[in-house]
Amino acid sequence: MRGLVDGRLRLPGDAGFTAASRPFNERYQHVRPAAALTVANAADVGRAIGWAREHGTPFTVRGGGHSYTGSSVGTGLVLDLRALDEVRVDPSSGLVTVGGGARMKAIYAALRLHGLAFPLGNSDDVGIGGLVLGGGVAAVSRAFGLTCDALVRTDVVLADGTTLACSEAENADLFWACRGGGGGNFGVNTSFTFQARSVPPVSSTCLLLWSWEHAPEVLSTAQEIMRRAPEEFAARIGVSRAPGQDGVVSMIGQHLGPAVELRELLTPALAAATPYRADVADRTYWEAADYLHHTTSGGAFAVRTRCVPESLPEEGVAALLAALEKWPGSGNPDGAGAALFTWGGAISRVPVAGSAFPHRDALFLISMDASWSTGDPAAVRRDNLEWLTGLHREMGAFASDAAYVNFPDPDLPDWRSAYYGPNLARLSEVKRRYDPDRVFRSAQGI
């Protein structure tokens, strides 16, 4: 292949091979690719697909490499897009064009120079492709919508090696599918163009932490706050356990308004119980992005999700907390927990059929997770996965079966319906049209 492409082909043992092929989730660290091609341009992608088809070699597309299910690595060829990282900003129109391998840190830096924004993730090395193709929920999505709602064009390399430009005006069915239909289903997206907007002039953030004894009243009150909150305010309501520590209840979020307004919105939660940490402060939009930056200890983990149409009732809160108290433990400092991400607002203003992302009517996404160290005994991994399965099952009494494709779950039984809901049939039609031979395939591929 080396003579066919402009990019760099790496084999196991070559310098840079691990960086181009290592899974983010160490649950899948045993997966060893045969080779990794860091493509230099979109033409390389088409050539590599053609070569792989001719030689019967399975291939996997890697953007940021953050797939929870290890889908950005495989046993064949990895198409590493990280060199497709150009970010071009047109200040006059607000259009931002980014390469298919661009990551959050570079995109934020380019936007900041021009005072522009669109919904983005909160981890430096998350890739734009995985984020937008699955929908893309950000801290400002209640006010700005999803990442895919800001998308106005994308270039897609198809299974036959040709490239299509997709927008509302051309190849509109594939454009629709690329707005929430998940990555790796229809082709390789080598470029995205977004409509950005001016950064809000005022912003503030909150970080509130309560001890475990206050969890019932805080969870109920925080949900009610968010049910009534203006769309300028979004928050993540969390409960978590870490090895050897008491549980923690948290509320972290961003308000596109001053801290004095945010404190007023949070008054019921502050009155329900006194937090042992309370940080509510004015921060610029960019300071807020840094403040909300996500960090992890790494290791192995699993995540399961459900969409919540209304607030969890008292018995749902009780069931959630009881489950957390039974977490079997592990050697990973990240521990285990559950989080309610506030949706609604601008997310729900787009019709369910307006894009491939189907979960427009959810009030919350509940994300449940467990982690362990790769050095833990096999029984620890087994116990954590069994615990997580039990929690997911219990929450089914209070939430729907719908799940978020950007937090993929390899153990989800009816994943097609859970991820895509009423949009599945149309997505399947798009798949048949653009990839009839199912060249792009994965364990949970359409």
Protein backbone atom coordinates (compact mmCIF):
# COMPACT_ATOMS: atom_id res chain seq x y z
CA MET A 1 0.00 0.00 0.00
CA ARG A 2 2.90 2.39 0.68
CA GLY A 3 3.25 3.25 -2.99
CA LEU A 4 -0.46 4.03 -3.33
CA VAL A 5 -0.86 6.69 -0.66
CA ASP A 6 0.66 9.98 0.40
CA GLY A 7 0.19 9.28 4.11
CA ARG A 8 2.26 7.14 6.42
CA LEU A 9 1.67 3.43 6.86
CA ARG A 10 2.81 2.01 10.21
CA LEU A 11 3.14 -1.61 11.23
CA PRO A 12 3.33 -3.02 14.78
CA GLY A 13 6.64 -1.97 16.29
CA ASP A 14 6.99 1.13 14.13
CA ALA A 15 7.35 4.51 15.83
CA GLY A 16 3.93 6.09 16.24
CA PHE A 17 1.99 2.88 15.65
CA THR A 18 0.58 2.78 19.16
CA ALA A 19 -0.55 6.40 19.06
CA ALA A 20 -2.35 5.73 15.79
CA SER A 21 -4.12 2.60 17.00
CA ARG A 22 -4.42 2.50 20.80
CA PRO A 23 -8.03 2.34 22.11
CA PHE A 24 -9.16 5.01 24.57
CA ASN A 25 -11.07 2.44 26.60
CA GLU A 26 -8.54 -0.08 27.93
CA ARG A 27 -11.30 -2.66 28.07
CA TYR A 28 -10.29 -3.26 24.44
CA GLN A 29 -6.51 -3.08 24.82
CA HIS A 30 -6.20 -6.66 23.57
CA VAL A 31 -7.30 -5.63 20.05
CA ARG A 32 -4.18 -5.44 17.87
CA PRO A 33 -4.44 -3.93 14.37
CA ALA A 34 -2.33 -5.33 11.54
CA ALA A 35 -1.45 -1.82 10.32
CA ALA A 36 -2.36 1.84 10.75
CA LEU A 37 -2.47 4.33 7.89
CA THR A 38 -2.30 7.99 8.85
CA VAL A 39 -3.93 9.45 5.76
CA ALA A 40 -2.58 12.69 4.29
CA ASN A 41 -5.72 13.71 2.41
CA ALA A 42 -9.18 12.60 1.33
CA ALA A 43 -7.73 10.87 -1.74
CA ASP A 44 -5.75 8.57 0.57
CA VAL A 45 -8.99 7.48 2.19
CA GLY A 46 -10.47 6.44 -1.15
CA ARG A 47 -7.29 4.62 -2.16
CA ALA A 48 -7.10 2.79 1.17
CA ILE A 49 -10.72 1.67 0.97
CA GLY A 50 -10.12 0.38 -2.55
CA TRP A 51 -7.00 -1.49 -1.46
CA ALA A 52 -8.75 -3.01 1.54
CA ARG A 53 -11.67 -4.20 -0.59
CA GLU A 54 -9.36 -5.68 -3.22
CA HIS A 55 -7.36 -7.60 -0.62
CA GLY A 56 -10.30 -8.57 1.60
CA THR A 57 -8.80 -6.71 4.53
CA PRO A 58 -11.17 -5.39 7.20
CA PHE A 59 -10.65 -1.74 8.08
CA THR A 60 -11.65 0.65 10.82
CA VAL A 61 -11.89 4.44 10.73
CA ARG A 62 -10.29 6.37 13.59
CA GLY A 63 -10.97 10.03 14.30
CA GLY A 64 -10.26 11.01 17.89
CA GLY A 65 -10.10 7.35 18.95
CA HIS A 66 -12.54 7.88 21.84
CA SER A 67 -15.06 5.17 21.00
CA TYR A 68 -16.39 3.69 24.24
CA THR A 69 -16.66 0.30 22.54
CA GLY A 70 -13.23 0.31 20.93
CA SER A 71 -14.73 0.80 17.47
CA SER A 72 -11.84 3.01 16.36
CA VAL A 73 -9.49 0.03 16.34
CA GLY A 74 -9.75 -3.41 14.78
CA THR A 75 -7.67 -6.41 13.79
CA GLY A 76 -7.14 -5.22 10.21
CA LEU A 77 -6.23 -1.78 8.88
CA VAL A 78 -6.86 1.39 10.89
CA LEU A 79 -7.53 4.52 8.82
CA ASP A 80 -6.19 7.21 11.11
CA LEU A 81 -7.65 10.63 10.22
CA ARG A 82 -5.72 12.76 12.72
CA ALA A 83 -3.67 14.52 10.01
CA LEU A 84 -6.92 15.85 8.51
CA ASP A 85 -6.96 18.51 11.19
CA GLU A 86 -7.16 21.83 9.35
CA VAL A 87 -9.56 24.41 10.82
CA ARG A 88 -10.64 27.31 8.59
CA VAL A 89 -12.81 30.13 9.90
CA ASP A 90 -14.61 32.68 7.71
CA PRO A 91 -15.36 35.53 10.14
CA SER A 92 -17.66 37.30 7.68
CA SER A 93 -20.08 34.38 7.32
CA GLY A 94 -19.39 32.49 10.54
CA LEU A 95 -18.73 29.32 8.55
CA VAL A 96 -16.13 27.00 10.11
CA THR A 97 -14.67 24.14 8.06
CA VAL A 98 -12.71 21.45 9.88
CA GLY A 99 -10.97 18.30 8.75
CA GLY A 100 -12.47 14.95 9.63
CA GLY A 101 -9.72 14.26 12.15
CA ALA A 102 -9.76 17.64 13.92
CA ARG A 103 -9.99 17.56 17.70
CA MET A 104 -11.68 19.79 20.21
CA LYS A 105 -8.57 21.62 21.44
CA ALA A 106 -7.64 22.87 17.97
CA ILE A 107 -11.21 23.82 17.08
CA TYR A 108 -11.72 25.78 20.31
CA ALA A 109 -8.44 27.62 19.75
CA ALA A 110 -9.43 28.67 16.22
CA LEU A 111 -12.92 29.76 17.25
CA ARG A 112 -11.61 31.77 20.17
CA LEU A 113 -9.53 33.96 17.85
CA HIS A 114 -12.73 35.10 16.13
CA GLY A 115 -15.20 35.15 19.03
CA LEU A 116 -17.33 32.43 17.43
CA ALA A 117 -18.84 29.24 18.81
CA PHE A 118 -20.92 26.18 18.05
CA PRO A 119 -21.63 23.19 20.33
CA LEU A 120 -18.47 21.17 21.03
CA GLY A 121 -17.26 18.49 23.43
CA ASN A 122 -15.37 19.09 26.66
CA SER A 123 -12.31 16.89 26.19
CA ASP A 124 -9.27 18.15 24.26
CA ASP A 125 -8.66 15.09 22.13
CA VAL A 126 -12.23 14.06 21.25
CA GLY A 127 -12.55 14.04 17.46
CA ILE A 128 -15.14 16.13 15.65
CA GLY A 129 -16.30 13.23 13.47
CA GLY A 130 -17.52 10.95 16.22
CA LEU A 131 -19.12 13.87 18.05
CA VAL A 132 -21.19 15.33 15.21
CA LEU A 133 -22.12 12.07 13.46
CA GLY A 134 -23.79 10.79 16.61
CA GLY A 135 -25.55 14.09 17.32
CA GLY A 136 -23.19 15.84 19.68
CA VAL A 137 -24.56 17.10 22.98
CA ALA A 138 -22.60 19.96 24.54
CA ALA A 139 -22.81 22.11 27.66
CA VAL A 140 -24.55 24.80 25.58
CA SER A 141 -26.88 22.50 23.63
CA ARG A 142 -30.02 23.61 25.45
CA ALA A 143 -29.35 27.09 24.04
CA PHE A 144 -27.49 26.30 20.78
CA GLY A 145 -28.78 22.85 19.83
CA LEU A 146 -26.69 19.80 19.00
CA THR A 147 -23.38 19.81 17.17
CA CYS A 148 -25.13 18.20 14.20
CA ASP A 149 -27.71 21.01 14.19
CA ALA A 150 -24.91 23.45 13.32
CA LEU A 151 -23.64 21.29 10.45
CA VAL A 152 -24.27 22.74 6.97
CA ARG A 153 -22.02 20.55 4.81
CA THR A 154 -19.85 17.44 4.97
CA ASP A 155 -17.67 15.61 2.44
CA VAL A 156 -18.01 11.82 2.53
CA VAL A 157 -15.77 9.22 0.89
CA LEU A 158 -18.00 6.32 -0.11
CA ALA A 159 -17.32 2.60 -0.37
CA ASP A 160 -16.41 2.95 -4.06
CA GLY A 161 -13.75 5.55 -3.24
CA THR A 162 -15.65 8.53 -4.64
CA THR A 163 -16.33 11.66 -2.58
CA LEU A 164 -19.74 13.29 -2.22
CA ALA A 165 -20.44 16.78 -0.94
CA CYS A 166 -23.54 16.63 1.23
CA SER A 167 -25.81 19.44 2.38
CA GLU A 168 -29.50 20.34 2.43
CA ALA A 169 -29.14 21.16 -1.28
CA GLU A 170 -27.14 18.16 -2.52
CA ASN A 171 -27.25 14.50 -1.49
CA ALA A 172 -29.70 15.61 1.17
CA ASP A 173 -30.59 12.08 2.29
CA LEU A 174 -26.97 11.28 3.17
CA PHE A 175 -26.62 14.69 4.83
CA TRP A 176 -29.68 13.90 6.95
CA ALA A 177 -28.14 10.55 7.96
CA CYS A 178 -24.84 12.20 8.93
CA ARG A 179 -26.69 14.34 11.47
CA GLY A 180 -27.09 11.76 14.24
CA GLY A 181 -26.89 8.46 12.36
CA GLY A 182 -23.63 7.46 13.99
CA GLY A 183 -20.08 7.26 12.67
CA GLY A 184 -18.78 4.49 10.43
CA ASN A 185 -22.12 3.62 8.84
CA PHE A 186 -22.14 5.27 5.43
CA GLY A 187 -18.61 6.36 4.54
CA VAL A 188 -15.64 8.33 5.83
CA ASN A 189 -16.37 11.99 6.56
CA THR A 190 -13.22 13.91 5.67
CA SER A 191 -14.54 17.45 6.17
CA PHE A 192 -17.31 19.25 8.06
CA THR A 193 -18.59 22.81 7.73
CA PHE A 194 -20.52 24.39 10.60
CA GLN A 195 -22.49 27.58 11.02
CA ALA A 196 -21.04 29.27 14.08
CA ARG A 197 -22.50 32.17 16.07
CA SER A 198 -21.09 34.99 18.14
CA VAL A 199 -19.98 34.03 21.61
CA PRO A 200 -22.45 35.14 24.30
CA PRO A 201 -21.18 38.26 26.09
CA VAL A 202 -21.90 36.89 29.58
CA SER A 203 -21.42 33.42 31.03
CA SER A 204 -21.16 31.74 34.43
CA THR A 205 -20.57 28.27 35.83
CA CYS A 206 -21.45 26.24 38.89
CA LEU A 207 -19.85 23.34 40.71
CA LEU A 208 -21.76 22.13 43.76
CA LEU A 209 -20.79 19.05 45.80
CA TRP A 210 -22.84 17.46 48.59
CA SER A 211 -22.12 14.59 50.92
CA TRP A 212 -23.95 11.30 50.32
CA GLU A 213 -26.42 11.73 53.18
CA HIS A 214 -28.08 14.58 51.27
CA ALA A 215 -28.45 12.66 48.02
CA PRO A 216 -32.25 12.04 48.06
CA GLU A 217 -33.33 15.63 48.59
CA VAL A 218 -30.62 17.10 46.36
CA LEU A 219 -31.37 14.81 43.40
CA SER A 220 -35.08 15.54 43.55
CA THR A 221 -34.58 19.29 43.91
CA ALA A 222 -31.89 19.53 41.22
CA GLN A 223 -34.11 17.73 38.72
CA GLU A 224 -36.95 20.14 39.42
CA ILE A 225 -34.61 23.10 38.96
CA MET A 226 -33.56 21.81 35.56
CA ARG A 227 -37.11 20.95 34.52
CA ARG A 228 -38.03 24.61 34.99
CA ALA A 229 -34.71 26.18 33.99
CA PRO A 230 -34.35 28.55 31.04
CA GLU A 231 -32.56 27.04 28.09
CA GLU A 232 -29.54 29.26 28.76
CA PHE A 233 -28.73 26.99 31.72
CA ALA A 234 -27.67 23.36 31.39
CA ALA A 235 -26.27 21.10 34.09
CA ARG A 236 -25.06 17.61 34.80
CA ILE A 237 -26.51 16.14 37.99
CA GLY A 238 -24.33 13.31 39.24
CA VAL A 239 -23.94 10.66 41.92
CA SER A 240 -20.67 8.78 42.14
CA ARG A 241 -18.61 6.36 44.20
CA ALA A 242 -14.83 6.01 44.22
CA PRO A 243 -12.77 3.23 45.82
CA GLY A 244 -12.50 3.67 49.58
CA GLN A 245 -14.52 6.89 49.63
CA ASP A 246 -18.03 7.96 50.50
CA GLY A 247 -20.43 8.77 47.71
CA VAL A 248 -20.67 12.28 46.27
CA VAL A 249 -23.58 14.21 44.78
CA SER A 250 -22.70 16.89 42.23
CA MET A 251 -24.23 19.55 40.04
CA ILE A 252 -22.01 21.16 37.44
CA GLY A 253 -23.11 23.39 34.61
CA GLN A 254 -22.97 26.55 32.56
CA HIS A 255 -25.38 29.46 32.34
CA LEU A 256 -25.27 31.90 29.44
CA GLY A 257 -25.95 34.72 31.82
CA PRO A 258 -24.45 36.31 34.95
CA ALA A 259 -23.62 34.43 38.15
CA VAL A 260 -26.23 36.42 40.06
CA GLU A 261 -28.92 34.82 37.88
CA LEU A 262 -27.33 31.40 38.24
CA ARG A 263 -27.30 31.66 42.03
CA GLU A 264 -30.99 32.49 41.96
CA LEU A 265 -31.71 29.46 39.79
CA LEU A 266 -29.76 27.26 42.21
CA THR A 267 -31.42 28.62 45.36
CA PRO A 268 -33.70 25.58 45.91
CA ALA A 269 -30.74 23.18 45.74
CA LEU A 270 -28.69 25.29 48.11
CA ALA A 271 -31.65 25.40 50.49
CA ALA A 272 -32.31 21.65 50.28
CA ALA A 273 -28.90 20.89 51.82
CA THR A 274 -25.66 22.76 52.34
CA PRO A 275 -22.97 21.69 49.85
CA TYR A 276 -19.46 21.16 51.17
CA ARG A 277 -18.22 22.90 48.03
CA ALA A 278 -20.03 25.66 46.20
CA ASP A 279 -18.37 27.49 43.32
CA VAL A 280 -20.75 29.77 41.42
CA ALA A 281 -18.92 32.45 39.48
CA ASP A 282 -18.86 34.62 36.39
CA ARG A 283 -16.59 33.13 33.73
CA THR A 284 -16.19 34.09 30.11
CA TYR A 285 -17.40 31.60 27.54
CA TRP A 286 -13.83 30.38 27.04
CA GLU A 287 -13.07 30.25 30.76
CA ALA A 288 -16.22 28.20 31.20
CA ALA A 289 -15.09 25.77 28.50
CA ASP A 290 -11.80 25.28 30.36
CA TYR A 291 -13.60 24.96 33.70
CA LEU A 292 -15.92 22.25 32.39
CA HIS A 293 -13.03 20.33 30.83
CA HIS A 294 -13.44 16.59 31.38
CA THR A 295 -10.62 14.52 32.85
CA THR A 296 -10.42 10.80 33.49
CA SER A 297 -8.05 8.39 35.19
CA GLY A 298 -8.29 6.12 32.16
CA GLY A 299 -8.35 2.38 32.51
CA ALA A 300 -11.26 0.17 31.48
CA PHE A 301 -14.90 1.13 31.71
CA ALA A 302 -18.43 0.50 30.48
CA VAL A 303 -21.31 2.94 30.02
CA ARG A 304 -25.03 2.38 29.59
CA THR A 305 -27.66 5.03 28.89
CA ARG A 306 -31.39 5.63 28.86
CA CYS A 307 -33.45 8.66 27.88
CA VAL A 308 -35.62 10.11 30.64
CA PRO A 309 -38.80 11.89 29.46
CA GLU A 310 -39.62 13.31 32.91
CA SER A 311 -37.82 13.71 36.23
CA LEU A 312 -37.03 10.50 38.10
CA PRO A 313 -39.71 10.00 40.75
CA GLU A 314 -38.88 9.49 44.42
CA GLU A 315 -38.79 5.72 44.02
CA GLY A 316 -36.48 6.07 40.99
CA VAL A 317 -34.07 8.21 42.99
CA ALA A 318 -34.17 5.69 45.82
CA ALA A 319 -33.46 2.79 43.46
CA LEU A 320 -30.53 4.64 41.90
CA LEU A 321 -28.94 5.46 45.25
CA ALA A 322 -29.47 1.94 46.60
CA ALA A 323 -27.69 0.54 43.56
CA LEU A 324 -24.73 2.89 44.01
CA GLU A 325 -24.37 1.74 47.60
CA LYS A 326 -23.99 -1.82 46.29
CA TRP A 327 -21.25 -1.05 43.79
CA PRO A 328 -18.76 -3.94 44.11
CA GLY A 329 -15.68 -1.69 43.90
CA SER A 330 -12.55 -1.78 41.74
CA GLY A 331 -9.01 -0.44 41.52
CA ASN A 332 -9.90 2.40 39.15
CA PRO A 333 -10.05 5.85 40.82
CA ASP A 334 -12.92 6.81 38.49
CA GLY A 335 -15.14 4.35 40.35
CA ALA A 336 -18.76 4.19 39.28
CA GLY A 337 -21.77 6.46 39.09
CA ALA A 338 -24.70 7.88 37.22
CA ALA A 339 -25.32 11.29 35.71
CA LEU A 340 -28.41 13.09 34.49
CA PHE A 341 -27.49 15.31 31.54
CA THR A 342 -30.08 18.03 30.99
CA TRP A 343 -31.50 18.04 27.47
CA GLY A 344 -34.53 19.90 26.09
CA GLY A 345 -34.52 23.54 25.02
CA ALA A 346 -33.11 24.03 21.52
CA ILE A 347 -32.53 20.28 21.19
CA SER A 348 -36.26 19.68 21.26
CA ARG A 349 -37.11 22.42 18.76
CA VAL A 350 -35.89 20.27 15.84
CA PRO A 351 -38.49 17.66 14.80
CA VAL A 352 -37.63 14.01 15.45
CA ALA A 353 -37.54 13.39 11.70
CA GLY A 354 -35.62 16.62 11.01
CA SER A 355 -32.29 14.82 11.44
CA ALA A 356 -31.22 11.26 12.16
CA PHE A 357 -30.87 12.06 15.89
CA PRO A 358 -34.18 10.82 17.34
CA HIS A 359 -34.13 11.76 21.04
CA ARG A 360 -35.54 15.26 20.73
CA ASP A 361 -38.17 14.88 23.45
CA ALA A 362 -35.99 13.67 26.32
CA LEU A 363 -35.67 15.85 29.41
CA PHE A 364 -32.56 14.03 30.65
CA LEU A 365 -30.11 11.44 29.46
CA ILE A 366 -29.15 9.17 32.33
CA SER A 367 -25.66 7.79 31.84
CA MET A 368 -24.57 4.94 34.12
CA ASP A 369 -20.96 3.80 34.27
CA ALA A 370 -18.54 1.46 35.98
CA SER A 371 -14.77 1.31 35.71
CA TRP A 372 -12.00 -1.02 36.70
CA SER A 373 -8.24 -1.29 36.38
CA THR A 374 -6.68 -3.59 33.83
CA GLY A 375 -4.71 -4.97 36.76
CA ASP A 376 -7.85 -5.97 38.66
CA PRO A 377 -8.73 -9.68 38.84
CA ALA A 378 -11.18 -10.94 36.21
CA ALA A 379 -13.83 -11.26 38.91
CA VAL A 380 -13.75 -7.48 39.47
CA ARG A 381 -14.48 -6.83 35.80
CA ARG A 382 -17.28 -9.41 35.87
CA ASP A 383 -18.83 -7.99 39.03
CA ASN A 384 -18.75 -4.43 37.68
CA LEU A 385 -20.41 -5.41 34.42
CA GLU A 386 -23.07 -7.41 36.26
CA TRP A 387 -23.67 -4.48 38.60
CA LEU A 388 -24.03 -2.09 35.67
CA THR A 389 -26.44 -4.43 33.89
CA GLY A 390 -28.54 -4.59 37.03
CA LEU A 391 -28.62 -0.81 37.41
CA HIS A 392 -29.55 -0.35 33.75
CA ARG A 393 -32.38 -2.87 34.16
CA GLU A 394 -33.71 -1.18 37.33
CA MET A 395 -33.74 2.25 35.70
CA GLY A 396 -35.91 0.80 32.94
CA ALA A 397 -38.88 1.24 35.27
CA PHE A 398 -38.36 5.02 35.25
CA ALA A 399 -36.79 5.76 31.84
CA SER A 400 -37.25 4.69 28.23
CA ASP A 401 -35.27 2.09 26.30
CA ALA A 402 -33.82 4.81 24.06
CA ALA A 403 -30.02 5.15 24.25
CA TYR A 404 -27.42 7.64 22.97
CA VAL A 405 -25.28 6.27 20.14
CA ASN A 406 -22.30 8.44 21.15
CA PHE A 407 -22.17 6.52 24.44
CA PRO A 408 -22.34 3.12 22.71
CA ASP A 409 -23.13 0.02 24.70
CA PRO A 410 -21.94 -3.37 23.37
CA ASP A 411 -24.32 -5.19 25.71
CA LEU A 412 -27.48 -3.35 24.62
CA PRO A 413 -29.91 -5.97 23.31
CA ASP A 414 -32.16 -3.99 20.92
CA TRP A 415 -29.57 -1.36 20.03
CA ARG A 416 -31.01 -0.50 16.59
CA SER A 417 -34.27 0.71 18.05
CA ALA A 418 -32.61 2.18 21.15
CA TYR A 419 -30.14 4.32 19.18
CA TYR A 420 -32.30 5.36 16.24
CA GLY A 421 -35.96 4.90 17.21
CA PRO A 422 -38.40 5.98 14.48
CA ASN A 423 -35.53 7.06 12.22
CA LEU A 424 -34.13 3.54 11.82
CA ALA A 425 -36.11 2.67 8.68
CA ARG A 426 -34.94 5.77 6.82
CA LEU A 427 -31.35 5.22 7.95
CA SER A 428 -31.51 1.66 6.63
CA GLU A 429 -32.70 2.99 3.26
CA VAL A 430 -29.76 5.41 3.13
CA LYS A 431 -27.40 2.55 3.99
CA ARG A 432 -28.75 0.43 1.15
CA ARG A 433 -28.35 3.29 -1.31
CA TYR A 434 -24.82 4.40 -0.45
CA ASP A 435 -23.26 1.19 0.90
CA PRO A 436 -25.25 -1.73 -0.56
CA ASP A 437 -22.40 -4.19 0.00
CA ARG A 438 -21.97 -3.15 3.63
CA VAL A 439 -18.32 -2.30 3.19
CA PHE A 440 -18.61 -0.14 6.30
CA ARG A 441 -19.57 -2.55 9.02
CA SER A 442 -19.19 -2.96 12.76
CA ALA A 443 -20.81 -4.90 15.56
CA GLN A 444 -23.48 -2.23 15.90
CA GLY A 445 -23.43 -0.91 12.34
CA ILE A 446 -26.60 -0.13 10.43
